[in-house]
PDB file of N, CA and C in Angstrom:
ATOM      1  N   MET A   1      11.474  -1.291  -3.295  1.00  0.00           N
ATOM      2  CA  MET A   1      10.655  -1.193  -4.984  1.00  0.00           C
ATOM      3  C   MET A   1       9.108  -1.470  -4.669  1.00  0.00           C
ATOM      4  N   ARG A   2       8.969  -2.730  -3.976  1.00  0.00           N
ATOM      5  CA  ARG A   2       7.435  -2.633  -4.241  1.00  0.00           C
ATOM      6  C   ARG A   2       6.900  -2.018  -2.911  1.00  0.00           C
ATOM      7  N   GLY A   3       7.327  -1.535  -2.325  1.00  0.00           N
ATOM      8  CA  GLY A   3       6.707  -0.302  -1.191  1.00  0.00           C
ATOM      9  C   GLY A   3       6.556   1.227  -1.965  1.00  0.00           C
ATOM     10  N   LYS A   4       7.618   1.493  -3.318  1.00  0.00           N
ATOM     11  CA  LYS A   4       7.031   2.478  -3.979  1.00  0.00           C
ATOM     12  C   LYS A   4       6.119   1.950  -5.042  1.00  0.00           C
ATOM     13  N   THR A   5       5.987   1.161  -4.873  1.00  0.00           N
ATOM     14  CA  THR A   5       5.294   0.706  -5.944  1.00  0.00           C
ATOM     15  C   THR A   5       3.245   1.031  -5.493  1.00  0.00           C
ATOM     16  N   LEU A   6       3.663   0.519  -4.316  1.00  0.00           N
ATOM     17  CA  LEU A   6       2.278   0.564  -3.234  1.00  0.00           C
ATOM     18  C   LEU A   6       2.219   1.743  -3.080  1.00  0.00           C
ATOM     19  N   LEU A   7       2.662   2.554  -3.015  1.00  0.00           N
ATOM     20  CA  LEU A   7       2.414   3.788  -2.596  1.00  0.00           C
ATOM     21  C   LEU A   7       1.861   4.856  -3.806  1.00  0.00           C
ATOM     22  N   LEU A   8       2.277   4.432  -5.084  1.00  0.00           N
ATOM     23  CA  LEU A   8       2.072   4.946  -6.244  1.00  0.00           C
ATOM     24  C   LEU A   8       0.559   4.317  -6.350  1.00  0.00           C
ATOM     25  N   ILE A   9       0.051   3.457  -6.260  1.00  0.00           N
ATOM     26  CA  ILE A   9      -1.294   2.834  -6.517  1.00  0.00           C
ATOM     27  C   ILE A   9      -1.987   3.525  -5.536  1.00  0.00           C
ATOM     28  N   GLY A  10      -1.471   3.155  -4.570  1.00  0.00           N
ATOM     29  CA  GLY A  10      -2.365   3.982  -3.329  1.00  0.00           C
ATOM     30  C   GLY A  10      -2.738   5.557  -3.855  1.00  0.00           C
ATOM     31  N   ALA A  11      -1.308   6.276  -4.691  1.00  0.00           N
ATOM     32  CA  ALA A  11      -1.690   7.416  -4.469  1.00  0.00           C
ATOM     33  C   ALA A  11      -2.700   7.596  -5.626  1.00  0.00           C
ATOM     34  N   ILE A  12      -2.754   6.763  -7.007  1.00  0.00           N
ATOM     35  CA  ILE A  12      -3.581   6.835  -7.940  1.00  0.00           C
ATOM     36  C   ILE A  12      -4.888   6.579  -7.653  1.00  0.00           C
ATOM     37  N   THR A  13      -5.367   5.221  -6.412  1.00  0.00           N
ATOM     38  CA  THR A  13      -6.755   5.235  -6.256  1.00  0.00           C
ATOM     39  C   THR A  13      -7.165   6.398  -5.072  1.00  0.00           C
ATOM     40  N   GLY A  14      -6.308   6.819  -4.727  1.00  0.00           N
ATOM     41  CA  GLY A  14      -6.824   8.083  -3.845  1.00  0.00           C
ATOM     42  C   GLY A  14      -7.049   8.832  -4.874  1.00  0.00           C
ATOM     43  N   ALA A  15      -6.662   9.741  -5.435  1.00  0.00           N
ATOM     44  CA  ALA A  15      -6.891  10.682  -6.217  1.00  0.00           C
ATOM     45  C   ALA A  15      -8.010  10.376  -7.307  1.00  0.00           C
ATOM     46  N   ILE A  16      -8.310   9.453  -7.608  1.00  0.00           N
ATOM     47  CA  ILE A  16      -9.724   9.015  -8.436  1.00  0.00           C
ATOM     48  C   ILE A  16     -10.878   9.372  -7.433  1.00  0.00           C
ATOM     49  N   PHE A  17     -10.528   8.384  -6.269  1.00  0.00           N
ATOM     50  CA  PHE A  17     -11.549   8.863  -5.471  1.00  0.00           C
ATOM     51  C   PHE A  17     -12.140   9.943  -5.310  1.00  0.00           C
ATOM     52  N   ALA A  18     -10.902  10.927  -4.836  1.00  0.00           N
ATOM     53  CA  ALA A  18     -10.767  12.465  -4.619  1.00  0.00           C
ATOM     54  C   ALA A  18     -11.725  13.050  -5.881  1.00  0.00           C
ATOM     55  N   THR A  19     -12.075  12.571  -6.663  1.00  0.00           N
ATOM     56  CA  THR A  19     -11.867  13.445  -7.820  1.00  0.00           C
ATOM     57  C   THR A  19     -13.453  13.147  -8.577  1.00  0.00           C
ATOM     58  N   THR A  20     -14.072  12.132  -8.339  1.00  0.00           N
ATOM     59  CA  THR A  20     -15.311  11.370  -8.995  1.00  0.00           C
ATOM     60  C   THR A  20     -16.592  12.049  -7.661  1.00  0.00           C
ATOM     61  N   PRO A  21     -17.393  11.717  -8.417  1.00  0.00           N
ATOM     62  CA  PRO A  21     -18.751  11.852  -7.166  1.00  0.00           C
ATOM     63  C   PRO A  21     -18.730  10.667  -6.385  1.00  0.00           C
ATOM     64  N   GLN A  22     -18.910   9.662  -7.245  1.00  0.00           N
ATOM     65  CA  GLN A  22     -19.156   8.535  -6.862  1.00  0.00           C
ATOM     66  C   GLN A  22     -17.936   7.982  -5.400  1.00  0.00           C
ATOM     67  N   GLY A  23     -16.588   8.794  -6.272  1.00  0.00           N
ATOM     68  CA  GLY A  23     -15.397   8.358  -4.783  1.00  0.00           C
ATOM     69  C   GLY A  23     -16.002   8.998  -3.837  1.00  0.00           C
ATOM     70  N   ARG A  24     -16.175  10.582  -3.968  1.00  0.00           N
ATOM     71  CA  ARG A  24     -15.957  10.736  -2.956  1.00  0.00           C
ATOM     72  C   ARG A  24     -17.504  10.924  -1.347  1.00  0.00           C
ATOM     73  N   LYS A  25     -18.770  10.006  -2.383  1.00  0.00           N
ATOM     74  CA  LYS A  25     -19.417   9.752  -1.607  1.00  0.00           C
ATOM     75  C   LYS A  25     -18.919   8.049  -1.042  1.00  0.00           C
ATOM     76  N   VAL A  26     -18.179   7.351  -1.453  1.00  0.00           N
ATOM     77  CA  VAL A  26     -17.473   6.249  -0.591  1.00  0.00           C
ATOM     78  C   VAL A  26     -16.766   6.489   0.304  1.00  0.00           C
ATOM     79  N   VAL A  27     -16.061   7.900  -0.213  1.00  0.00           N
ATOM     80  CA  VAL A  27     -15.126   8.215   1.399  1.00  0.00           C
ATOM     81  C   VAL A  27     -16.051   8.596   1.866  1.00  0.00           C
ATOM     82  N   GLY A  28     -17.103   9.703   2.045  1.00  0.00           N
ATOM     83  CA  GLY A  28     -17.996   9.915   2.625  1.00  0.00           C
ATOM     84  C   GLY A  28     -18.320   8.790   3.426  1.00  0.00           C
ATOM     85  N   ASP A  29     -18.869   7.800   2.926  1.00  0.00           N
ATOM     86  CA  ASP A  29     -19.509   6.531   3.673  1.00  0.00           C
ATOM     87  C   ASP A  29     -18.662   5.892   4.576  1.00  0.00           C
ATOM     88  N   ILE A  30     -17.939   5.547   4.288  1.00  0.00           N
ATOM     89  CA  ILE A  30     -16.552   5.317   5.002  1.00  0.00           C
ATOM     90  C   ILE A  30     -16.089   6.063   6.209  1.00  0.00           C
ATOM     91  N   LYS A  31     -16.196   7.613   5.528  1.00  0.00           N
ATOM     92  CA  LYS A  31     -16.176   8.394   6.981  1.00  0.00           C
ATOM     93  C   LYS A  31     -16.886   8.343   7.940  1.00  0.00           C
ATOM     94  N   ASN A  32     -18.382   8.150   7.911  1.00  0.00           N
ATOM     95  CA  ASN A  32     -19.412   8.209   8.297  1.00  0.00           C
ATOM     96  C   ASN A  32     -18.810   6.915   9.095  1.00  0.00           C
ATOM     97  N   LYS A  33     -18.580   5.423   8.867  1.00  0.00           N
ATOM     98  CA  LYS A  33     -18.830   4.445   9.426  1.00  0.00           C
ATOM     99  C   LYS A  33     -18.163   4.386  10.777  1.00  0.00           C
ATOM    100  N   VAL A  34     -16.718   4.839  10.179  1.00  0.00           N
ATOM    101  CA  VAL A  34     -15.629   4.884  11.031  1.00  0.00           C
ATOM    102  C   VAL A  34     -15.698   5.932  12.084  1.00  0.00           C
ATOM    103  N   ALA A  35     -16.623   6.971  12.023  1.00  0.00           N
ATOM    104  CA  ALA A  35     -16.921   7.743  13.226  1.00  0.00           C
ATOM    105  C   ALA A  35     -17.855   7.355  14.319  1.00  0.00           C
ATOM    106  N   GLY A  36     -18.831   7.060  13.264  1.00  0.00           N
ATOM    107  CA  GLY A  36     -19.661   5.405  14.171  1.00  0.00           C
ATOM    108  C   GLY A  36     -18.925   4.491  14.969  1.00  0.00           C
ATOM    109  N   ALA A  37     -18.098   3.733  14.186  1.00  0.00           N
ATOM    110  CA  ALA A  37     -17.481   2.860  15.177  1.00  0.00           C
ATOM    111  C   ALA A  37     -16.469   3.405  16.698  1.00  0.00           C
ATOM    112  N   TRP A  38     -15.638   4.541  15.932  1.00  0.00           N
ATOM    113  CA  TRP A  38     -15.121   5.253  17.215  1.00  0.00           C
ATOM    114  C   TRP A  38     -15.762   5.865  18.266  1.00  0.00           C
ATOM    115  N   GLY A  39     -16.693   6.049  18.051  1.00  0.00           N
ATOM    116  CA  GLY A  39     -17.718   6.477  18.924  1.00  0.00           C
ATOM    117  C   GLY A  39     -18.533   5.555  19.809  1.00  0.00           C
ATOM    118  N   ARG A  40     -18.516   4.381  19.332  1.00  0.00           N
ATOM    119  CA  ARG A  40     -18.785   3.467  20.487  1.00  0.00           C
ATOM    120  C   ARG A  40     -18.303   3.143  21.599  1.00  0.00           C
ATOM    121  N   PRO A  41     -19.395   2.865  22.877  1.00  0.00           N
ATOM    122  CA  PRO A  41     -19.085   2.662  24.511  1.00  0.00           C
ATOM    123  C   PRO A  41     -17.426   1.661  24.384  1.00  0.00           C
ATOM    124  N   ASP A  42     -17.935   0.371  23.464  1.00  0.00           N
ATOM    125  CA  ASP A  42     -17.260  -0.512  23.790  1.00  0.00           C
ATOM    126  C   ASP A  42     -15.614  -0.452  23.218  1.00  0.00           C
ATOM    127  N   VAL A  43     -15.451   0.366  22.139  1.00  0.00           N
ATOM    128  CA  VAL A  43     -14.551   0.994  21.573  1.00  0.00           C
ATOM    129  C   VAL A  43     -14.082   1.853  21.961  1.00  0.00           C
ATOM    130  N   GLN A  44     -14.442   2.536  23.002  1.00  0.00           N
ATOM    131  CA  GLN A  44     -13.919   4.042  23.791  1.00  0.00           C
ATOM    132  C   GLN A  44     -13.141   3.820  24.840  1.00  0.00           C
ATOM    133  N   ARG A  45     -13.110   2.222  25.235  1.00  0.00           N
ATOM    134  CA  ARG A  45     -13.115   1.319  26.456  1.00  0.00           C
ATOM    135  C   ARG A  45     -12.075   0.723  26.515  1.00  0.00           C
ATOM    136  N   THR A  46     -11.774   0.199  24.942  1.00  0.00           N
ATOM    137  CA  THR A  46     -10.780  -0.447  24.824  1.00  0.00           C
ATOM    138  C   THR A  46      -9.581   0.700  24.643  1.00  0.00           C
ATOM    139  N   VAL A  47      -9.916   1.078  23.588  1.00  0.00           N
ATOM    140  CA  VAL A  47      -8.605   2.790  23.483  1.00  0.00           C
ATOM    141  C   VAL A  47      -8.329   3.665  24.799  1.00  0.00           C
ATOM    142  N   SER A  48      -9.532   3.442  25.951  1.00  0.00           N
ATOM    143  CA  SER A  48      -8.690   3.541  27.330  1.00  0.00           C
ATOM    144  C   SER A  48      -8.060   3.182  27.640  1.00  0.00           C
ATOM    145  N   GLY A  49      -8.252   2.035  27.905  1.00  0.00           N
ATOM    146  CA  GLY A  49      -7.393   0.770  28.334  1.00  0.00           C
ATOM    147  C   GLY A  49      -6.346   0.733  27.859  1.00  0.00           C
ATOM    148  N   ILE A  50      -6.036   1.301  26.603  1.00  0.00           N
ATOM    149  CA  ILE A  50      -4.568   0.985  25.989  1.00  0.00           C
ATOM    150  C   ILE A  50      -3.855   1.901  26.695  1.00  0.00           C
ATOM    151  N   GLN A  51      -4.605   3.417  26.267  1.00  0.00           N
ATOM    152  CA  GLN A  51      -3.828   4.471  26.897  1.00  0.00           C
ATOM    153  C   GLN A  51      -3.178   4.489  28.381  1.00  0.00           C
ATOM    154  N   ASP A  52      -4.185   4.053  28.825  1.00  0.00           N
ATOM    155  CA  ASP A  52      -3.931   3.434  30.340  1.00  0.00           C
ATOM    156  C   ASP A  52      -2.454   2.586  30.603  1.00  0.00           C
ATOM    157  N   ARG A  53      -2.611   1.731  29.631  1.00  0.00           N
ATOM    158  CA  ARG A  53      -0.959   1.198  29.890  1.00  0.00           C
ATOM    159  C   ARG A  53      -0.248   0.916  29.369  1.00  0.00           C
ATOM    160  N   VAL A  54      -0.674   2.315  28.403  1.00  0.00           N
ATOM    161  CA  VAL A  54       1.234   2.744  27.897  1.00  0.00           C
ATOM    162  C   VAL A  54       1.540   3.802  28.557  1.00  0.00           C
ATOM    163  N   ARG A  55       0.273   4.618  29.286  1.00  0.00           N
ATOM    164  CA  ARG A  55       0.997   5.335  30.290  1.00  0.00           C
ATOM    165  C   ARG A  55       1.813   4.499  31.719  1.00  0.00           C
ATOM    166  N   ASP A  56       0.938   3.566  32.102  1.00  0.00           N
ATOM    167  CA  ASP A  56       1.941   3.251  32.843  1.00  0.00           C
ATOM    168  C   ASP A  56       3.199   2.574  32.501  1.00  0.00           C
ATOM    169  N   THR A  57       3.296   1.674  31.157  1.00  0.00           N
ATOM    170  CA  THR A  57       4.295   0.773  30.936  1.00  0.00           C
ATOM    171  C   THR A  57       5.472   2.165  30.432  1.00  0.00           C
ATOM    172  N   VAL A  58       5.460   2.855  29.848  1.00  0.00           N
ATOM    173  CA  VAL A  58       6.525   3.965  28.990  1.00  0.00           C
ATOM    174  C   VAL A  58       7.326   4.460  30.206  1.00  0.00           C
ATOM    175  N   PRO A  59       7.044   5.011  31.465  1.00  0.00           N
ATOM    176  CA  PRO A  59       7.835   5.024  32.851  1.00  0.00           C
ATOM    177  C   PRO A  59       8.946   3.697  33.055  1.00  0.00           C
ATOM    178  N   VAL A  60       8.300   2.717  32.528  1.00  0.00           N
ATOM    179  CA  VAL A  60       9.401   1.523  33.651  1.00  0.00           C
ATOM    180  C   VAL A  60      10.181   1.084  31.558  1.00  0.00           C
ATOM    181  N   VAL A  61       9.550   1.533  30.811  1.00  0.00           N
ATOM    182  CA  VAL A  61      10.568   1.290  29.302  1.00  0.00           C
ATOM    183  C   VAL A  61      11.212   2.598  29.255  1.00  0.00           C
ATOM    184  N   GLY A  62      11.131   3.464  29.338  1.00  0.00           N
ATOM    185  CA  GLY A  62      11.656   4.716  29.225  1.00  0.00           C
ATOM    186  C   GLY A  62      13.359   5.374  29.293  1.00  0.00           C
ATOM    187  N   GLY A  63      13.330   4.746  30.483  1.00  0.00           N
ATOM    188  CA  GLY A  63      14.389   4.374  31.412  1.00  0.00           C
ATOM    189  C   GLY A  63      15.838   3.335  30.218  1.00  0.00           C
ATOM    190  N   PRO A  64      15.652   2.545  29.879  1.00  0.00           N
ATOM    191  CA  PRO A  64      16.246   1.532  29.309  1.00  0.00           C
ATOM    192  C   PRO A  64      16.363   2.042  27.737  1.00  0.00           C
ATOM    193  N   LEU A  65      15.118   2.573  27.744  1.00  0.00           N
ATOM    194  CA  LEU A  65      14.980   2.857  25.794  1.00  0.00           C
ATOM    195  C   LEU A  65      15.927   4.122  25.952  1.00  0.00           C
ATOM    196  N   ALA A  66      16.032   5.258  26.433  1.00  0.00           N
ATOM    197  CA  ALA A  66      16.860   5.887  26.584  1.00  0.00           C
ATOM    198  C   ALA A  66      18.363   5.935  26.339  1.00  0.00           C
ATOM    199  N   ASP A  67      18.619   4.633  27.455  1.00  0.00           N
ATOM    200  CA  ASP A  67      19.684   4.338  27.443  1.00  0.00           C
ATOM    201  C   ASP A  67      20.636   3.327  26.275  1.00  0.00           C
ATOM    202  N   ALA A  68      19.524   2.575  25.951  1.00  0.00           N
ATOM    203  CA  ALA A  68      20.045   2.092  24.146  1.00  0.00           C
ATOM    204  C   ALA A  68      19.958   3.581  23.372  1.00  0.00           C
ATOM    205  N   MET A  69      19.270   4.102  23.381  1.00  0.00           N
ATOM    206  CA  MET A  69      19.170   5.183  22.081  1.00  0.00           C
ATOM    207  C   MET A  69      21.073   5.932  22.347  1.00  0.00           C
ATOM    208  N   ASP A  70      21.240   6.414  23.444  1.00  0.00           N
ATOM    209  CA  ASP A  70      22.392   6.880  23.712  1.00  0.00           C
ATOM    210  C   ASP A  70      23.582   6.099  23.262  1.00  0.00           C
ATOM    211  N   LYS A  71      23.606   5.099  23.820  1.00  0.00           N
ATOM    212  CA  LYS A  71      24.767   3.965  23.034  1.00  0.00           C
ATOM    213  C   LYS A  71      24.980   3.615  21.480  1.00  0.00           C
ATOM    214  N   VAL A  72      23.451   4.316  20.841  1.00  0.00           N
ATOM    215  CA  VAL A  72      23.409   3.528  19.594  1.00  0.00           C
ATOM    216  C   VAL A  72      24.233   5.070  18.769  1.00  0.00           C
ATOM    217  N   LYS A  73      23.777   6.298  19.446  1.00  0.00           N
ATOM    218  CA  LYS A  73      23.670   7.824  19.039  1.00  0.00           C
ATOM    219  C   LYS A  73      24.968   7.796  17.969  1.00  0.00           C
ATOM    220  N   PRO A  74      26.464   8.052  19.579  1.00  0.00           N
ATOM    221  CA  PRO A  74      27.633   7.726  18.549  1.00  0.00           C
ATOM    222  C   PRO A  74      28.195   6.601  17.348  1.00  0.00           C
ATOM    223  N   ALA A  75      27.335   5.734  17.764  1.00  0.00           N
ATOM    224  CA  ALA A  75      27.639   4.419  16.555  1.00  0.00           C
ATOM    225  C   ALA A  75      27.411   5.492  14.947  1.00  0.00           C
ATOM    226  N   ALA A  76      25.909   5.894  15.105  1.00  0.00           N
ATOM    227  CA  ALA A  76      25.835   6.623  13.988  1.00  0.00           C
ATOM    228  C   ALA A  76      26.437   7.286  13.406  1.00  0.00           C
ATOM    229  N   ASN A  77      26.956   8.171  14.055  1.00  0.00           N
ATOM    230  CA  ASN A  77      27.505   9.481  13.467  1.00  0.00           C
ATOM    231  C   ASN A  77      28.982   9.081  13.036  1.00  0.00           C
TER     232      ASN A  77
END
């Protein structure tokens, strides 16, 4: 119930921001700040490092994870 309430509040807030000129300005400002932060070299280095780590880890974890999923599938049916 709590999740549905938060979703409803978020939807109402989003609708208000999308329909008012001040809201569109705020959303535009947020988009510009996020784009600026995303473009920073230190952020991109961090993202690249995480991507490399995930690429290295997924093959190691993928096999046991697939086996565990296969064990759970018949129980779910």
